[in-house]
């Protein structure tokens, strides 16, 4: 009985490839799980910062309206919108 070495090599290659990809998948599943918790924490922190920023902006706008300070309100808006544009938040809000 003769052994078909091409078929035997192909089977061995498939088994070893499967084991390597199983190890890679296990490693990346652990890595994805770890980064997922980091992402969730970052999103919670971003939500808190967003709420705080909205309260601050509302407070500033109300104060400016009460004092009737149009020049200061214009400068404040330019600064705020400039910062938001530099951070790339305004293009994200538009799209």
N, C-alpha and C. Protein backbone atom coordinates (compact mmCIF):
# COMPACT_ATOMS: atom_id res chain seq x y z
N UNK A 1 0.85 -1.17 0.00
CA UNK A 1 0.00 0.00 0.00
C UNK A 1 0.90 1.24 0.00
N UNK A 2 0.61 2.09 -0.93
CA UNK A 2 1.43 3.28 -1.09
C UNK A 2 0.74 4.49 -0.44
N UNK A 3 1.51 5.36 0.24
CA UNK A 3 0.97 6.55 0.91
C UNK A 3 1.03 7.72 -0.07
N UNK A 4 -0.08 8.39 -0.18
CA UNK A 4 -0.14 9.59 -1.02
C UNK A 4 0.37 10.76 -0.18
N UNK A 5 1.62 11.14 -0.38
CA UNK A 5 2.26 12.15 0.46
C UNK A 5 1.68 13.54 0.23
N UNK A 6 1.16 13.78 -0.92
CA UNK A 6 0.54 15.09 -1.20
C UNK A 6 -0.71 15.26 -0.34
N UNK A 7 -1.53 14.23 -0.29
CA UNK A 7 -2.75 14.28 0.53
C UNK A 7 -2.40 14.34 2.01
N UNK A 8 -1.42 13.55 2.45
CA UNK A 8 -1.01 13.56 3.85
C UNK A 8 -0.47 14.95 4.23
N UNK A 9 0.35 15.54 3.37
CA UNK A 9 0.88 16.88 3.64
C UNK A 9 -0.21 17.92 3.68
N UNK A 10 -1.19 17.79 2.80
CA UNK A 10 -2.31 18.72 2.76
C UNK A 10 -3.12 18.63 4.06
N UNK A 11 -3.38 17.41 4.53
CA UNK A 11 -4.14 17.22 5.78
C UNK A 11 -3.37 17.78 6.97
N UNK A 12 -2.06 17.50 7.03
CA UNK A 12 -1.24 18.04 8.13
C UNK A 12 -1.22 19.56 8.08
N UNK A 13 -1.10 20.12 6.88
CA UNK A 13 -1.10 21.57 6.73
C UNK A 13 -2.42 22.17 7.19
N UNK A 14 -3.53 21.56 6.83
CA UNK A 14 -4.84 22.05 7.24
C UNK A 14 -5.00 22.01 8.76
N UNK A 15 -4.54 20.95 9.39
CA UNK A 15 -4.65 20.82 10.85
C UNK A 15 -3.79 21.89 11.55
N UNK A 16 -2.55 22.04 11.09
CA UNK A 16 -1.67 23.04 11.70
C UNK A 16 -2.18 24.46 11.46
N UNK A 17 -2.68 24.72 10.26
CA UNK A 17 -3.26 26.04 9.99
C UNK A 17 -4.46 26.30 10.89
N UNK A 18 -5.30 25.31 11.07
CA UNK A 18 -6.46 25.46 11.95
C UNK A 18 -6.05 25.75 13.38
N UNK A 19 -5.01 25.07 13.88
CA UNK A 19 -4.54 25.32 15.25
C UNK A 19 -3.97 26.72 15.39
N UNK A 20 -3.21 27.15 14.41
CA UNK A 20 -2.62 28.50 14.47
C UNK A 20 -3.72 29.55 14.47
N UNK A 21 -4.72 29.39 13.59
CA UNK A 21 -5.79 30.37 13.55
C UNK A 21 -6.65 30.32 14.81
N UNK A 22 -6.78 29.16 15.42
CA UNK A 22 -7.50 29.06 16.69
C UNK A 22 -6.78 29.84 17.78
N UNK A 23 -5.45 29.73 17.83
CA UNK A 23 -4.66 30.47 18.82
C UNK A 23 -4.77 31.97 18.56
N UNK A 24 -4.68 32.37 17.30
CA UNK A 24 -4.79 33.80 16.95
C UNK A 24 -6.17 34.33 17.33
N UNK A 25 -7.22 33.57 17.03
CA UNK A 25 -8.58 34.01 17.35
C UNK A 25 -8.77 34.12 18.86
N UNK A 26 -8.25 33.19 19.64
CA UNK A 26 -8.38 33.25 21.10
C UNK A 26 -7.66 34.48 21.64
N UNK A 27 -6.47 34.78 21.12
CA UNK A 27 -5.72 35.95 21.57
C UNK A 27 -6.49 37.23 21.26
N UNK A 28 -7.01 37.34 20.04
CA UNK A 28 -7.72 38.55 19.67
C UNK A 28 -9.07 38.68 20.36
N UNK A 29 -9.72 37.59 20.70
CA UNK A 29 -10.96 37.69 21.47
C UNK A 29 -10.69 38.28 22.85
N UNK A 30 -9.60 37.87 23.48
CA UNK A 30 -9.23 38.44 24.78
C UNK A 30 -8.91 39.92 24.61
N UNK A 31 -8.16 40.26 23.56
CA UNK A 31 -7.79 41.65 23.31
C UNK A 31 -9.02 42.51 23.02
N UNK A 32 -9.96 41.99 22.23
CA UNK A 32 -11.18 42.73 21.91
C UNK A 32 -12.02 42.93 23.15
N UNK A 33 -12.11 41.94 24.01
CA UNK A 33 -12.86 42.07 25.25
C UNK A 33 -12.26 43.15 26.14
N UNK A 34 -10.93 43.20 26.21
CA UNK A 34 -10.25 44.19 27.03
C UNK A 34 -10.50 45.60 26.47
N UNK A 35 -10.36 45.77 25.17
CA UNK A 35 -10.57 47.09 24.59
C UNK A 35 -12.04 47.49 24.61
N UNK A 36 -12.93 46.53 24.63
CA UNK A 36 -14.36 46.83 24.71
C UNK A 36 -14.68 47.51 26.04
N UNK A 37 -14.10 47.02 27.13
CA UNK A 37 -14.35 47.66 28.43
C UNK A 37 -13.75 49.06 28.44
N UNK A 38 -12.58 49.24 27.82
CA UNK A 38 -11.99 50.58 27.74
C UNK A 38 -12.90 51.50 26.94
N UNK A 39 -13.45 51.00 25.85
CA UNK A 39 -14.32 51.80 25.01
C UNK A 39 -15.58 52.21 25.76
N UNK A 40 -16.15 51.28 26.52
CA UNK A 40 -17.35 51.61 27.30
C UNK A 40 -17.05 52.68 28.34
N UNK A 41 -15.91 52.59 29.01
CA UNK A 41 -15.53 53.61 29.99
C UNK A 41 -15.33 54.96 29.31
N UNK A 42 -14.69 54.95 28.15
CA UNK A 42 -14.45 56.20 27.42
C UNK A 42 -15.76 56.84 26.98
N UNK A 43 -16.72 56.02 26.55
CA UNK A 43 -18.01 56.56 26.12
C UNK A 43 -18.77 57.14 27.31
N UNK A 44 -18.72 56.48 28.47
CA UNK A 44 -19.36 57.03 29.67
C UNK A 44 -18.73 58.37 30.05
N UNK A 45 -17.40 58.44 29.99
CA UNK A 45 -16.70 59.68 30.33
C UNK A 45 -17.05 60.78 29.34
N UNK A 46 -17.11 60.43 28.04
CA UNK A 46 -17.49 61.41 27.03
C UNK A 46 -18.90 61.93 27.25
N UNK A 47 -19.81 61.06 27.71
CA UNK A 47 -21.17 61.48 27.99
C UNK A 47 -21.19 62.48 29.15
N UNK A 48 -20.41 62.22 30.20
CA UNK A 48 -20.36 63.14 31.33
C UNK A 48 -19.77 64.49 30.90
N UNK A 49 -18.72 64.46 30.11
CA UNK A 49 -18.11 65.71 29.63
C UNK A 49 -19.08 66.47 28.74
N UNK A 50 -19.83 65.75 27.90
CA UNK A 50 -20.81 66.38 27.02
C UNK A 50 -21.89 67.07 27.84
N UNK A 51 -22.41 66.40 28.87
CA UNK A 51 -23.44 67.01 29.72
C UNK A 51 -22.90 68.24 30.44
N UNK A 52 -21.67 68.14 30.96
CA UNK A 52 -21.08 69.27 31.66
C UNK A 52 -20.87 70.45 30.72
N UNK A 53 -20.41 70.16 29.50
CA UNK A 53 -20.18 71.22 28.51
C UNK A 53 -21.49 71.89 28.13
N UNK A 54 -22.53 71.11 27.95
CA UNK A 54 -23.84 71.70 27.60
C UNK A 54 -24.36 72.60 28.72
N UNK A 55 -24.20 72.16 29.98
CA UNK A 55 -24.62 72.99 31.10
C UNK A 55 -23.83 74.29 31.14
N UNK A 56 -22.51 74.20 30.91
CA UNK A 56 -21.65 75.39 30.92
C UNK A 56 -22.06 76.36 29.82
N UNK A 57 -22.28 75.84 28.62
CA UNK A 57 -22.66 76.71 27.49
C UNK A 57 -24.02 77.35 27.75
N UNK A 58 -24.98 76.57 28.26
CA UNK A 58 -26.29 77.14 28.59
C UNK A 58 -26.17 78.24 29.63
N UNK A 59 -25.35 77.99 30.66
CA UNK A 59 -25.15 78.99 31.70
C UNK A 59 -24.53 80.26 31.12
N UNK A 60 -23.51 80.09 30.27
CA UNK A 60 -22.87 81.26 29.66
C UNK A 60 -23.83 82.04 28.77
N UNK A 61 -24.63 81.35 27.97
CA UNK A 61 -25.57 82.04 27.09
C UNK A 61 -26.62 82.80 27.90
N UNK A 62 -27.12 82.17 28.97
CA UNK A 62 -28.12 82.86 29.80
C UNK A 62 -27.51 84.09 30.46
N UNK A 63 -26.28 83.96 30.95
CA UNK A 63 -25.61 85.09 31.59
C UNK A 63 -25.39 86.23 30.61
N UNK A 64 -24.97 85.89 29.40
CA UNK A 64 -24.72 86.91 28.37
C UNK A 64 -26.03 87.59 27.98
N UNK A 65 -27.11 86.82 27.88
CA UNK A 65 -28.40 87.42 27.53
C UNK A 65 -28.91 88.34 28.63
N UNK A 66 -28.70 87.94 29.87
CA UNK A 66 -29.14 88.78 30.99
C UNK A 66 -28.37 90.09 31.03
N UNK A 67 -27.08 90.04 30.73
CA UNK A 67 -26.24 91.23 30.77
C UNK A 67 -26.31 92.03 29.48
N UNK A 68 -26.93 91.46 28.45
CA UNK A 68 -27.05 92.10 27.13
C UNK A 68 -25.68 92.47 26.58
N UNK A 69 -24.78 91.51 26.58
CA UNK A 69 -23.42 91.72 26.11
C UNK A 69 -23.25 91.06 24.74
N UNK A 70 -23.54 91.80 23.67
CA UNK A 70 -23.51 91.21 22.34
C UNK A 70 -22.09 90.97 21.85
N UNK A 71 -21.17 91.88 22.16
CA UNK A 71 -19.79 91.70 21.69
C UNK A 71 -19.14 90.52 22.39
N UNK A 72 -19.34 90.41 23.69
CA UNK A 72 -18.76 89.28 24.43
C UNK A 72 -19.39 87.97 23.97
N UNK A 73 -20.70 87.99 23.69
CA UNK A 73 -21.35 86.77 23.23
C UNK A 73 -20.80 86.36 21.86
N UNK A 74 -20.53 87.34 21.00
CA UNK A 74 -19.97 87.03 19.68
C UNK A 74 -18.58 86.41 19.82
N UNK A 75 -17.74 87.00 20.67
CA UNK A 75 -16.39 86.47 20.87
C UNK A 75 -16.45 85.09 21.50
N UNK A 76 -17.35 84.91 22.46
CA UNK A 76 -17.50 83.60 23.11
C UNK A 76 -17.92 82.53 22.10
N UNK A 77 -18.87 82.88 21.25
CA UNK A 77 -19.32 81.92 20.23
C UNK A 77 -18.21 81.59 19.25
N UNK A 78 -17.43 82.59 18.86
CA UNK A 78 -16.32 82.33 17.94
C UNK A 78 -15.31 81.39 18.58
N UNK A 79 -15.00 81.62 19.85
CA UNK A 79 -14.05 80.75 20.55
C UNK A 79 -14.60 79.34 20.68
N UNK A 80 -15.84 79.21 21.10
CA UNK A 80 -16.43 77.88 21.31
C UNK A 80 -16.52 77.12 19.98
N UNK A 81 -17.03 77.78 18.95
CA UNK A 81 -17.15 77.10 17.66
C UNK A 81 -15.78 76.81 17.05
N UNK A 82 -14.80 77.67 17.30
CA UNK A 82 -13.44 77.40 16.83
C UNK A 82 -12.86 76.15 17.48
N UNK A 83 -13.06 76.04 18.80
CA UNK A 83 -12.57 74.86 19.51
C UNK A 83 -13.27 73.60 19.00
N UNK A 84 -14.59 73.68 18.85
CA UNK A 84 -15.34 72.51 18.36
C UNK A 84 -14.94 72.14 16.94
N UNK A 85 -14.64 73.13 16.11
CA UNK A 85 -14.21 72.83 14.74
C UNK A 85 -12.82 72.19 14.74
N UNK A 86 -11.91 72.68 15.60
CA UNK A 86 -10.57 72.10 15.67
C UNK A 86 -10.61 70.67 16.17
N UNK A 87 -11.53 70.38 17.08
CA UNK A 87 -11.65 69.02 17.59
C UNK A 87 -12.39 68.09 16.63
N UNK A 88 -12.99 68.67 15.60
CA UNK A 88 -13.69 67.87 14.61
C UNK A 88 -15.09 67.50 15.02
N UNK A 89 -15.64 68.20 16.01
CA UNK A 89 -16.97 67.85 16.50
C UNK A 89 -18.05 68.44 15.58
N UNK A 90 -17.85 69.66 15.09
CA UNK A 90 -18.85 70.29 14.24
C UNK A 90 -19.07 69.51 12.94
N UNK A 91 -18.00 69.06 12.24
CA UNK A 91 -18.28 68.25 11.04
C UNK A 91 -19.03 66.95 11.36
N UNK A 92 -18.76 66.37 12.54
CA UNK A 92 -19.50 65.16 12.91
C UNK A 92 -20.95 65.47 13.19
N UNK A 93 -21.25 66.62 13.79
CA UNK A 93 -22.63 66.99 14.06
C UNK A 93 -23.38 67.30 12.77
N UNK A 94 -22.67 67.88 11.79
CA UNK A 94 -23.32 68.23 10.52
C UNK A 94 -23.66 66.95 9.75
N UNK A 95 -22.76 65.98 9.77
CA UNK A 95 -23.05 64.75 9.03
C UNK A 95 -23.83 63.86 9.92
